[in-house]
PDB file of N, CA and C in Angstrom:
ATOM      1  N   MET A   1     -45.256 -72.810  37.355  1.00  0.00           N
ATOM      2  CA  MET A   1     -45.276 -74.260  37.365  1.00  0.00           C
ATOM      3  C   MET A   1     -46.259 -74.744  36.303  1.00  0.00           C
ATOM      4  N   LYS A   2     -45.958 -75.915  35.760  1.00  0.00           N
ATOM      5  CA  LYS A   2     -46.803 -76.535  34.737  1.00  0.00           C
ATOM      6  C   LYS A   2     -47.238 -77.919  35.224  1.00  0.00           C
ATOM      7  N   ILE A   3     -48.440 -78.313  34.807  1.00  0.00           N
ATOM      8  CA  ILE A   3     -48.990 -79.631  35.107  1.00  0.00           C
ATOM      9  C   ILE A   3     -49.227 -80.345  33.785  1.00  0.00           C
ATOM     10  N   ILE A   4     -48.838 -81.608  33.731  1.00  0.00           N
ATOM     11  CA  ILE A   4     -49.189 -82.454  32.593  1.00  0.00           C
ATOM     12  C   ILE A   4     -50.173 -83.497  33.091  1.00  0.00           C
ATOM     13  N   ALA A   5     -51.272 -83.638  32.381  1.00  0.00           N
ATOM     14  CA  ALA A   5     -52.242 -84.708  32.621  1.00  0.00           C
ATOM     15  C   ALA A   5     -52.318 -85.508  31.331  1.00  0.00           C
ATOM     16  N   ALA A   6     -51.968 -86.779  31.424  1.00  0.00           N
ATOM     17  CA  ALA A   6     -51.961 -87.626  30.234  1.00  0.00           C
ATOM     18  C   ALA A   6     -52.771 -88.883  30.498  1.00  0.00           C
ATOM     19  N   LYS A   7     -53.617 -89.236  29.542  1.00  0.00           N
ATOM     20  CA  LYS A   7     -54.438 -90.441  29.665  1.00  0.00           C
ATOM     21  C   LYS A   7     -54.017 -91.439  28.600  1.00  0.00           C
ATOM     22  N   LEU A   8     -53.740 -92.664  29.061  1.00  0.00           N
ATOM     23  CA  LEU A   8     -53.426 -93.769  28.173  1.00  0.00           C
ATOM     24  C   LEU A   8     -54.514 -94.818  28.342  1.00  0.00           C
ATOM     25  N   THR A   9     -54.950 -95.390  27.259  1.00  0.00           N
ATOM     26  CA  THR A   9     -55.957 -96.452  27.311  1.00  0.00           C
ATOM     27  C   THR A   9     -55.364 -97.710  26.699  1.00  0.00           C
ATOM     28  N   ALA A  10     -55.318 -98.757  27.519  1.00  0.00           N
ATOM     29  CA  ALA A  10     -54.705-100.009  27.089  1.00  0.00           C
ATOM     30  C   ALA A  10     -55.606-100.776  26.130  1.00  0.00           C
ATOM     31  N   ARG A  11     -54.981-101.400  25.179  1.00  0.00           N
ATOM     32  CA  ARG A  11     -55.656-102.356  24.303  1.00  0.00           C
ATOM     33  C   ARG A  11     -56.057-103.548  25.173  1.00  0.00           C
ATOM     34  N   GLU A  12     -57.150-104.185  24.853  1.00  0.00           N
ATOM     35  CA  GLU A  12     -57.620-105.329  25.640  1.00  0.00           C
ATOM     36  C   GLU A  12     -56.506-106.366  25.778  1.00  0.00           C
ATOM     37  N   GLY A  13     -56.282-106.793  27.021  1.00  0.00           N
ATOM     38  CA  GLY A  13     -55.266-107.791  27.312  1.00  0.00           C
ATOM     39  C   GLY A  13     -53.863-107.255  27.476  1.00  0.00           C
ATOM     40  N   CYS A  14     -53.684-105.913  27.438  1.00  0.00           N
ATOM     41  CA  CYS A  14     -52.343-105.325  27.485  1.00  0.00           C
ATOM     42  C   CYS A  14     -52.094-104.428  28.697  1.00  0.00           C
ATOM     43  N   ILE A  15     -53.011-104.406  29.657  1.00  0.00           N
ATOM     44  CA  ILE A  15     -52.852-103.466  30.773  1.00  0.00           C
ATOM     45  C   ILE A  15     -51.592-103.746  31.584  1.00  0.00           C
ATOM     46  N   GLU A  16     -51.252-104.996  31.804  1.00  0.00           N
ATOM     47  CA  GLU A  16     -50.075-105.310  32.617  1.00  0.00           C
ATOM     48  C   GLU A  16     -48.799-104.817  31.937  1.00  0.00           C
ATOM     49  N   GLU A  17     -48.689-105.044  30.643  1.00  0.00           N
ATOM     50  CA  GLU A  17     -47.508-104.595  29.909  1.00  0.00           C
ATOM     51  C   GLU A  17     -47.426-103.069  29.880  1.00  0.00           C
ATOM     52  N   LEU A  18     -48.564-102.418  29.689  1.00  0.00           N
ATOM     53  CA  LEU A  18     -48.577-100.957  29.676  1.00  0.00           C
ATOM     54  C   LEU A  18     -48.195-100.404  31.039  1.00  0.00           C
ATOM     55  N   ALA A  19     -48.749-100.956  32.107  1.00  0.00           N
ATOM     56  CA  ALA A  19     -48.429-100.488  33.456  1.00  0.00           C
ATOM     57  C   ALA A  19     -46.948-100.692  33.764  1.00  0.00           C
ATOM     58  N   GLU A  20     -46.384-101.799  33.332  1.00  0.00           N
ATOM     59  CA  GLU A  20     -44.954-102.048  33.563  1.00  0.00           C
ATOM     60  C   GLU A  20     -44.101-101.010  32.834  1.00  0.00           C
ATOM     61  N   ALA A  21     -44.453-100.699  31.603  1.00  0.00           N
ATOM     62  CA  ALA A  21     -43.718 -99.687  30.843  1.00  0.00           C
ATOM     63  C   ALA A  21     -43.843 -98.320  31.504  1.00  0.00           C
ATOM     64  N   CYS A  22     -45.026 -97.997  31.999  1.00  0.00           N
ATOM     65  CA  CYS A  22     -45.231 -96.719  32.698  1.00  0.00           C
ATOM     66  C   CYS A  22     -44.369 -96.657  33.953  1.00  0.00           C
ATOM     67  N   GLY A  23     -44.305 -97.756  34.675  1.00  0.00           N
ATOM     68  CA  GLY A  23     -43.484 -97.807  35.877  1.00  0.00           C
ATOM     69  C   GLY A  23     -42.018 -97.539  35.590  1.00  0.00           C
ATOM     70  N   GLY A  24     -41.557 -97.948  34.421  1.00  0.00           N
ATOM     71  CA  GLY A  24     -40.179 -97.698  34.035  1.00  0.00           C
ATOM     72  C   GLY A  24     -39.863 -96.236  33.770  1.00  0.00           C
ATOM     73  N   MET A  25     -40.886 -95.423  33.632  1.00  0.00           N
ATOM     74  CA  MET A  25     -40.684 -93.984  33.410  1.00  0.00           C
ATOM     75  C   MET A  25     -40.492 -93.207  34.708  1.00  0.00           C
ATOM     76  N   LEU A  26     -40.887 -93.779  35.831  1.00  0.00           N
ATOM     77  CA  LEU A  26     -40.911 -93.029  37.081  1.00  0.00           C
ATOM     78  C   LEU A  26     -39.535 -92.547  37.531  1.00  0.00           C
ATOM     79  N   ASP A  27     -38.620 -93.452  37.792  1.00  0.00           N
ATOM     80  CA  ASP A  27     -37.321 -93.045  38.348  1.00  0.00           C
ATOM     81  C   ASP A  27     -36.548 -92.088  37.455  1.00  0.00           C
ATOM     82  N   PRO A  28     -36.395 -92.390  36.146  1.00  0.00           N
ATOM     83  CA  PRO A  28     -35.622 -91.445  35.340  1.00  0.00           C
ATOM     84  C   PRO A  28     -36.304 -90.079  35.198  1.00  0.00           C
ATOM     85  N   SER A  29     -37.621 -90.056  35.135  1.00  0.00           N
ATOM     86  CA  SER A  29     -38.319 -88.771  35.005  1.00  0.00           C
ATOM     87  C   SER A  29     -38.241 -87.970  36.294  1.00  0.00           C
ATOM     88  N   ARG A  30     -38.400 -88.638  37.431  1.00  0.00           N
ATOM     89  CA  ARG A  30     -38.315 -87.954  38.722  1.00  0.00           C
ATOM     90  C   ARG A  30     -36.929 -87.387  38.988  1.00  0.00           C
ATOM     91  N   ALA A  31     -35.908 -87.970  38.371  1.00  0.00           N
ATOM     92  CA  ALA A  31     -34.530 -87.509  38.565  1.00  0.00           C
ATOM     93  C   ALA A  31     -34.179 -86.305  37.692  1.00  0.00           C
ATOM     94  N   GLU A  32     -35.043 -85.930  36.776  1.00  0.00           N
ATOM     95  CA  GLU A  32     -34.757 -84.828  35.863  1.00  0.00           C
ATOM     96  C   GLU A  32     -34.813 -83.484  36.580  1.00  0.00           C
ATOM     97  N   PRO A  33     -33.974 -82.535  36.119  1.00  0.00           N
ATOM     98  CA  PRO A  33     -34.071 -81.185  36.670  1.00  0.00           C
ATOM     99  C   PRO A  33     -35.435 -80.575  36.334  1.00  0.00           C
ATOM    100  N   GLY A  34     -36.046 -79.940  37.305  1.00  0.00           N
ATOM    101  CA  GLY A  34     -37.330 -79.292  37.082  1.00  0.00           C
ATOM    102  C   GLY A  34     -38.536 -80.173  37.329  1.00  0.00           C
ATOM    103  N   CYS A  35     -38.320 -81.463  37.620  1.00  0.00           N
ATOM    104  CA  CYS A  35     -39.449 -82.344  37.937  1.00  0.00           C
ATOM    105  C   CYS A  35     -39.814 -82.166  39.406  1.00  0.00           C
ATOM    106  N   ILE A  36     -41.047 -81.780  39.661  1.00  0.00           N
ATOM    107  CA  ILE A  36     -41.541 -81.613  41.026  1.00  0.00           C
ATOM    108  C   ILE A  36     -42.222 -82.891  41.484  1.00  0.00           C
ATOM    109  N   SER A  37     -43.061 -83.460  40.635  1.00  0.00           N
ATOM    110  CA  SER A  37     -43.673 -84.760  40.926  1.00  0.00           C
ATOM    111  C   SER A  37     -44.031 -85.438  39.613  1.00  0.00           C
ATOM    112  N   TYR A  38     -44.043 -86.782  39.652  1.00  0.00           N
ATOM    113  CA  TYR A  38     -44.293 -87.559  38.444  1.00  0.00           C
ATOM    114  C   TYR A  38     -44.870 -88.893  38.887  1.00  0.00           C
ATOM    115  N   SER A  39     -46.155 -89.108  38.639  1.00  0.00           N
ATOM    116  CA  SER A  39     -46.830 -90.327  39.077  1.00  0.00           C
ATOM    117  C   SER A  39     -47.860 -90.753  38.042  1.00  0.00           C
ATOM    118  N   PHE A  40     -48.208 -92.050  38.103  1.00  0.00           N
ATOM    119  CA  PHE A  40     -49.314 -92.513  37.274  1.00  0.00           C
ATOM    120  C   PHE A  40     -50.262 -93.338  38.123  1.00  0.00           C
ATOM    121  N   TYR A  41     -51.506 -93.411  37.653  1.00  0.00           N
ATOM    122  CA  TYR A  41     -52.586 -94.040  38.411  1.00  0.00           C
ATOM    123  C   TYR A  41     -53.408 -94.897  37.467  1.00  0.00           C
ATOM    124  N   MET A  42     -53.864 -96.027  37.987  1.00  0.00           N
ATOM    125  CA  MET A  42     -54.729 -96.913  37.211  1.00  0.00           C
ATOM    126  C   MET A  42     -56.165 -96.710  37.685  1.00  0.00           C
ATOM    127  N   SER A  43     -57.052 -96.453  36.764  1.00  0.00           N
ATOM    128  CA  SER A  43     -58.445 -96.177  37.098  1.00  0.00           C
ATOM    129  C   SER A  43     -59.109 -97.383  37.749  1.00  0.00           C
ATOM    130  N   VAL A  44     -59.887 -97.119  38.794  1.00  0.00           N
ATOM    131  CA  VAL A  44     -60.692 -98.183  39.413  1.00  0.00           C
ATOM    132  C   VAL A  44     -62.079 -98.232  38.781  1.00  0.00           C
ATOM    133  N   GLU A  45     -62.418 -97.216  37.990  1.00  0.00           N
ATOM    134  CA  GLU A  45     -63.734 -97.151  37.360  1.00  0.00           C
ATOM    135  C   GLU A  45     -63.710 -97.596  35.900  1.00  0.00           C
ATOM    136  N   LYS A  46     -62.588 -97.395  35.228  1.00  0.00           N
ATOM    137  CA  LYS A  46     -62.497 -97.756  33.817  1.00  0.00           C
ATOM    138  C   LYS A  46     -61.252 -98.618  33.617  1.00  0.00           C
ATOM    139  N   TYR A  47     -61.465 -99.925  33.618  1.00  0.00           N
ATOM    140  CA  TYR A  47     -60.351-100.855  33.473  1.00  0.00           C
ATOM    141  C   TYR A  47     -59.576-100.548  32.195  1.00  0.00           C
ATOM    142  N   GLY A  48     -58.263-100.499  32.332  1.00  0.00           N
ATOM    143  CA  GLY A  48     -57.407-100.254  31.182  1.00  0.00           C
ATOM    144  C   GLY A  48     -56.991 -98.809  31.004  1.00  0.00           C
ATOM    145  N   GLU A  49     -57.495 -97.912  31.844  1.00  0.00           N
ATOM    146  CA  GLU A  49     -57.151 -96.498  31.732  1.00  0.00           C
ATOM    147  C   GLU A  49     -56.075 -96.147  32.750  1.00  0.00           C
ATOM    148  N   ILE A  50     -55.025 -95.510  32.267  1.00  0.00           N
ATOM    149  CA  ILE A  50     -53.927 -95.049  33.109  1.00  0.00           C
ATOM    150  C   ILE A  50     -53.824 -93.543  32.957  1.00  0.00           C
ATOM    151  N   LEU A  51     -53.696 -92.860  34.078  1.00  0.00           N
ATOM    152  CA  LEU A  51     -53.556 -91.403  34.081  1.00  0.00           C
ATOM    153  C   LEU A  51     -52.202 -91.023  34.668  1.00  0.00           C
ATOM    154  N   PHE A  52     -51.475 -90.195  33.953  1.00  0.00           N
ATOM    155  CA  PHE A  52     -50.240 -89.594  34.463  1.00  0.00           C
ATOM    156  C   PHE A  52     -50.576 -88.185  34.944  1.00  0.00           C
ATOM    157  N   PHE A  53     -50.057 -87.821  36.109  1.00  0.00           N
ATOM    158  CA  PHE A  53     -50.114 -86.445  36.594  1.00  0.00           C
ATOM    159  C   PHE A  53     -48.694 -86.050  36.953  1.00  0.00           C
ATOM    160  N   GLU A  54     -48.239 -84.978  36.332  1.00  0.00           N
ATOM    161  CA  GLU A  54     -46.861 -84.546  36.483  1.00  0.00           C
ATOM    162  C   GLU A  54     -46.825 -83.059  36.810  1.00  0.00           C
ATOM    163  N   GLU A  55     -45.908 -82.662  37.676  1.00  0.00           N
ATOM    164  CA  GLU A  55     -45.684 -81.254  37.985  1.00  0.00           C
ATOM    165  C   GLU A  55     -44.255 -80.916  37.577  1.00  0.00           C
ATOM    166  N   TRP A  56     -44.126 -79.851  36.812  1.00  0.00           N
ATOM    167  CA  TRP A  56     -42.833 -79.412  36.308  1.00  0.00           C
ATOM    168  C   TRP A  56     -42.611 -77.944  36.663  1.00  0.00           C
ATOM    169  N   LYS A  57     -41.366 -77.584  36.895  1.00  0.00           N
ATOM    170  CA  LYS A  57     -41.013 -76.215  37.287  1.00  0.00           C
ATOM    171  C   LYS A  57     -41.445 -75.200  36.234  1.00  0.00           C
ATOM    172  N   ASP A  58     -41.209 -75.521  34.961  1.00  0.00           N
ATOM    173  CA  ASP A  58     -41.515 -74.584  33.883  1.00  0.00           C
ATOM    174  C   ASP A  58     -41.511 -75.319  32.540  1.00  0.00           C
ATOM    175  N   GLN A  59     -41.776 -74.586  31.483  1.00  0.00           N
ATOM    176  CA  GLN A  59     -41.824 -75.191  30.150  1.00  0.00           C
ATOM    177  C   GLN A  59     -40.463 -75.739  29.740  1.00  0.00           C
ATOM    178  N   ALA A  60     -39.382 -75.088  30.161  1.00  0.00           N
ATOM    179  CA  ALA A  60     -38.046 -75.579  29.824  1.00  0.00           C
ATOM    180  C   ALA A  60     -37.826 -76.984  30.392  1.00  0.00           C
ATOM    181  N   ALA A  61     -38.334 -77.248  31.581  1.00  0.00           N
ATOM    182  CA  ALA A  61     -38.205 -78.579  32.180  1.00  0.00           C
ATOM    183  C   ALA A  61     -38.999 -79.610  31.376  1.00  0.00           C
ATOM    184  N   ILE A  62     -40.178 -79.227  30.895  1.00  0.00           N
ATOM    185  CA  ILE A  62     -40.980 -80.131  30.058  1.00  0.00           C
ATOM    186  C   ILE A  62     -40.271 -80.391  28.733  1.00  0.00           C
ATOM    187  N   ASP A  63     -39.727 -79.351  28.122  1.00  0.00           N
ATOM    188  CA  ASP A  63     -39.005 -79.513  26.866  1.00  0.00           C
ATOM    189  C   ASP A  63     -37.827 -80.471  27.049  1.00  0.00           C
ATOM    190  N   PHE A  64     -37.112 -80.331  28.171  1.00  0.00           N
ATOM    191  CA  PHE A  64     -36.003 -81.229  28.478  1.00  0.00           C
ATOM    192  C   PHE A  64     -36.512 -82.664  28.607  1.00  0.00           C
ATOM    193  N   HIS A  65     -37.615 -82.840  29.354  1.00  0.00           N
ATOM    194  CA  HIS A  65     -38.208 -84.158  29.565  1.00  0.00           C
ATOM    195  C   HIS A  65     -38.585 -84.808  28.230  1.00  0.00           C
ATOM    196  N   PHE A  66     -39.244 -84.057  27.364  1.00  0.00           N
ATOM    197  CA  PHE A  66     -39.678 -84.590  26.076  1.00  0.00           C
ATOM    198  C   PHE A  66     -38.498 -84.980  25.177  1.00  0.00           C
ATOM    199  N   ALA A  67     -37.317 -84.411  25.426  1.00  0.00           N
ATOM    200  CA  ALA A  67     -36.138 -84.698  24.607  1.00  0.00           C
ATOM    201  C   ALA A  67     -35.275 -85.836  25.174  1.00  0.00           C
ATOM    202  N   THR A  68     -35.586 -86.321  26.380  1.00  0.00           N
ATOM    203  CA  THR A  68     -34.754 -87.371  26.984  1.00  0.00           C
ATOM    204  C   THR A  68     -34.880 -88.681  26.211  1.00  0.00           C
ATOM    205  N   ASP A  69     -33.847 -89.487  26.330  1.00  0.00           N
ATOM    206  CA  ASP A  69     -33.857 -90.789  25.662  1.00  0.00           C
ATOM    207  C   ASP A  69     -35.000 -91.665  26.163  1.00  0.00           C
ATOM    208  N   HIS A  70     -35.244 -91.657  27.493  1.00  0.00           N
ATOM    209  CA  HIS A  70     -36.295 -92.532  28.026  1.00  0.00           C
ATOM    210  C   HIS A  70     -37.686 -92.101  27.551  1.00  0.00           C
ATOM    211  N   PHE A  71     -37.925 -90.802  27.419  1.00  0.00           N
ATOM    212  CA  PHE A  71     -39.222 -90.348  26.920  1.00  0.00           C
ATOM    213  C   PHE A  71     -39.355 -90.664  25.432  1.00  0.00           C
ATOM    214  N   GLN A  72     -38.299 -90.429  24.667  1.00  0.00           N
ATOM    215  CA  GLN A  72     -38.333 -90.701  23.230  1.00  0.00           C
ATOM    216  C   GLN A  72     -38.563 -92.188  22.945  1.00  0.00           C
ATOM    217  N   ALA A  73     -38.055 -93.050  23.805  1.00  0.00           N
ATOM    218  CA  ALA A  73     -38.226 -94.493  23.619  1.00  0.00           C
ATOM    219  C   ALA A  73     -39.590 -94.983  24.103  1.00  0.00           C
ATOM    220  N   PHE A  74     -40.223 -94.245  25.009  1.00  0.00           N
ATOM    221  CA  PHE A  74     -41.473 -94.668  25.635  1.00  0.00           C
ATOM    222  C   PHE A  74     -42.608 -94.820  24.623  1.00  0.00           C
ATOM    223  N   GLY A  75     -42.805 -93.828  23.775  1.00  0.00           N
ATOM    224  CA  GLY A  75     -43.894 -93.864  22.796  1.00  0.00           C
ATOM    225  C   GLY A  75     -43.859 -95.105  21.919  1.00  0.00           C
ATOM    226  N   PRO A  76     -42.742 -95.357  21.231  1.00  0.00           N
ATOM    227  CA  PRO A  76     -42.674 -96.568  20.405  1.00  0.00           C
ATOM    228  C   PRO A  76     -42.800 -97.857  21.223  1.00  0.00           C
ATOM    229  N   ALA A  77     -42.306 -97.845  22.468  1.00  0.00           N
ATOM    230  CA  ALA A  77     -42.356 -99.045  23.300  1.00  0.00           C
ATOM    231  C   ALA A  77     -43.777 -99.419  23.700  1.00  0.00           C
ATOM    232  N   ILE A  78     -44.660 -98.422  23.838  1.00  0.00           N
ATOM    233  CA  ILE A  78     -46.033 -98.702  24.296  1.00  0.00           C
ATOM    234  C   ILE A  78     -47.056 -98.719  23.169  1.00  0.00           C
ATOM    235  N   GLU A  79     -46.651 -98.353  21.987  1.00  0.00           N
ATOM    236  CA  GLU A  79     -47.594 -98.201  20.868  1.00  0.00           C
ATOM    237  C   GLU A  79     -48.485 -99.431  20.675  1.00  0.00           C
ATOM    238  N   SER A  80     -47.922-100.612  20.753  1.00  0.00           N
ATOM    239  CA  SER A  80     -48.720-101.825  20.514  1.00  0.00           C
ATOM    240  C   SER A  80     -49.648-102.163  21.679  1.00  0.00           C
ATOM    241  N   TYR A  81     -49.463-101.522  22.822  1.00  0.00           N
ATOM    242  CA  TYR A  81     -50.310-101.760  24.004  1.00  0.00           C
ATOM    243  C   TYR A  81     -51.509-100.812  24.073  1.00  0.00           C
ATOM    244  N   LEU A  82     -51.546 -99.806  23.206  1.00  0.00           N
ATOM    245  CA  LEU A  82     -52.564 -98.755  23.298  1.00  0.00           C
ATOM    246  C   LEU A  82     -53.765 -99.028  22.400  1.00  0.00           C
ATOM    247  N   ALA A  83     -54.948 -98.725  22.931  1.00  0.00           N
ATOM    248  CA  ALA A  83     -56.185 -98.828  22.164  1.00  0.00           C
ATOM    249  C   ALA A  83     -56.445 -97.557  21.352  1.00  0.00           C
ATOM    250  N   SER A  84     -55.820 -96.445  21.777  1.00  0.00           N
ATOM    251  CA  SER A  84     -56.004 -95.161  21.104  1.00  0.00           C
ATOM    252  C   SER A  84     -54.777 -94.296  21.361  1.00  0.00           C
ATOM    253  N   GLU A  85     -54.721 -93.176  20.668  1.00  0.00           N
ATOM    254  CA  GLU A  85     -53.620 -92.237  20.868  1.00  0.00           C
ATOM    255  C   GLU A  85     -53.655 -91.686  22.302  1.00  0.00           C
ATOM    256  N   PRO A  86     -52.491 -91.438  22.919  1.00  0.00           N
ATOM    257  CA  PRO A  86     -52.484 -90.799  24.242  1.00  0.00           C
ATOM    258  C   PRO A  86     -53.139 -89.417  24.174  1.00  0.00           C
ATOM    259  N   ASP A  87     -53.819 -89.058  25.244  1.00  0.00           N
ATOM    260  CA  ASP A  87     -54.437 -87.736  25.374  1.00  0.00           C
ATOM    261  C   ASP A  87     -53.602 -86.964  26.388  1.00  0.00           C
ATOM    262  N   ILE A  88     -52.801 -86.010  25.900  1.00  0.00           N
ATOM    263  CA  ILE A  88     -51.865 -85.277  26.743  1.00  0.00           C
ATOM    264  C   ILE A  88     -52.253 -83.808  26.760  1.00  0.00           C
ATOM    265  N   LYS A  89     -52.400 -83.277  27.970  1.00  0.00           N
ATOM    266  CA  LYS A  89     -52.737 -81.862  28.138  1.00  0.00           C
ATOM    267  C   LYS A  89     -51.731 -81.228  29.098  1.00  0.00           C
ATOM    268  N   ILE A  90     -51.337 -79.984  28.798  1.00  0.00           N
ATOM    269  CA  ILE A  90     -50.409 -79.239  29.639  1.00  0.00           C
ATOM    270  C   ILE A  90     -51.126 -78.004  30.152  1.00  0.00           C
ATOM    271  N   TYR A  91     -51.006 -77.765  31.450  1.00  0.00           N
ATOM    272  CA  TYR A  91     -51.703 -76.658  32.099  1.00  0.00           C
ATOM    273  C   TYR A  91     -50.705 -75.756  32.838  1.00  0.00           C
ATOM    274  N   ASP A  92     -50.990 -74.447  32.833  1.00  0.00           N
ATOM    275  CA  ASP A  92     -50.301 -73.521  33.728  1.00  0.00           C
ATOM    276  C   ASP A  92     -51.015 -73.562  35.070  1.00  0.00           C
ATOM    277  N   VAL A  93     -50.262 -73.525  36.139  1.00  0.00           N
ATOM    278  CA  VAL A  93     -50.886 -73.442  37.458  1.00  0.00           C
ATOM    279  C   VAL A  93     -51.401 -72.017  37.629  1.00  0.00           C
ATOM    280  N   ALA A  94     -52.710 -71.916  37.893  1.00  0.00           N
ATOM    281  CA  ALA A  94     -53.357 -70.599  37.945  1.00  0.00           C
ATOM    282  C   ALA A  94     -53.299 -69.958  39.318  1.00  0.00           C
ATOM    283  N   GLY A  95     -53.080 -70.739  40.358  1.00  0.00           N
ATOM    284  CA  GLY A  95     -53.040 -70.186  41.706  1.00  0.00           C
ATOM    285  C   GLY A  95     -52.554 -71.226  42.678  1.00  0.00           C
ATOM    286  N   GLU A  96     -52.347 -70.791  43.869  1.00  0.00           N
ATOM    287  CA  GLU A  96     -51.884 -71.682  44.920  1.00  0.00           C
ATOM    288  C   GLU A  96     -53.070 -72.316  45.620  1.00  0.00           C
ATOM    289  N   PRO A  97     -52.916 -73.554  46.102  1.00  0.00           N
ATOM    290  CA  PRO A  97     -54.018 -74.196  46.808  1.00  0.00           C
ATOM    291  C   PRO A  97     -54.358 -73.449  48.109  1.00  0.00           C
ATOM    292  N   VAL A  98     -55.618 -73.524  48.472  1.00  0.00           N
ATOM    293  CA  VAL A  98     -56.085 -72.914  49.718  1.00  0.00           C
ATOM    294  C   VAL A  98     -55.620 -73.784  50.866  1.00  0.00           C
ATOM    295  N   LYS A  99     -55.031 -73.176  51.875  1.00  0.00           N
ATOM    296  CA  LYS A  99     -54.565 -73.918  53.038  1.00  0.00           C
ATOM    297  C   LYS A  99     -55.685 -74.050  54.036  1.00  0.00           C
ATOM    298  N   ALA A 100     -55.904 -75.282  54.488  1.00  0.00           N
ATOM    299  CA  ALA A 100     -56.979 -75.555  55.440  1.00  0.00           C
ATOM    300  C   ALA A 100     -56.564 -75.215  56.850  1.00  0.00           C
TER     301      ALA A 100
END
């Protein structure tokens, strides 16, 4: 399994537009083969920061996701709302969570 952690930082005055665009990614991404979970969160500590956390079955699922029309359109659609380049990191899951 792979995890994607992506941080987007909104340009001043653009958080609502950025959050709306992010929300539009949820349903189509969650419907993709290999998507385990796909969510985004708005920071309560740093106004304007949005974090995506995604779980994917494998690299092939991520490659498919990156090639979809909705993902390809997302970058250009949000470019004017961003204060900086997105920070995207992909991780291999190293182990299973400890069960309490």
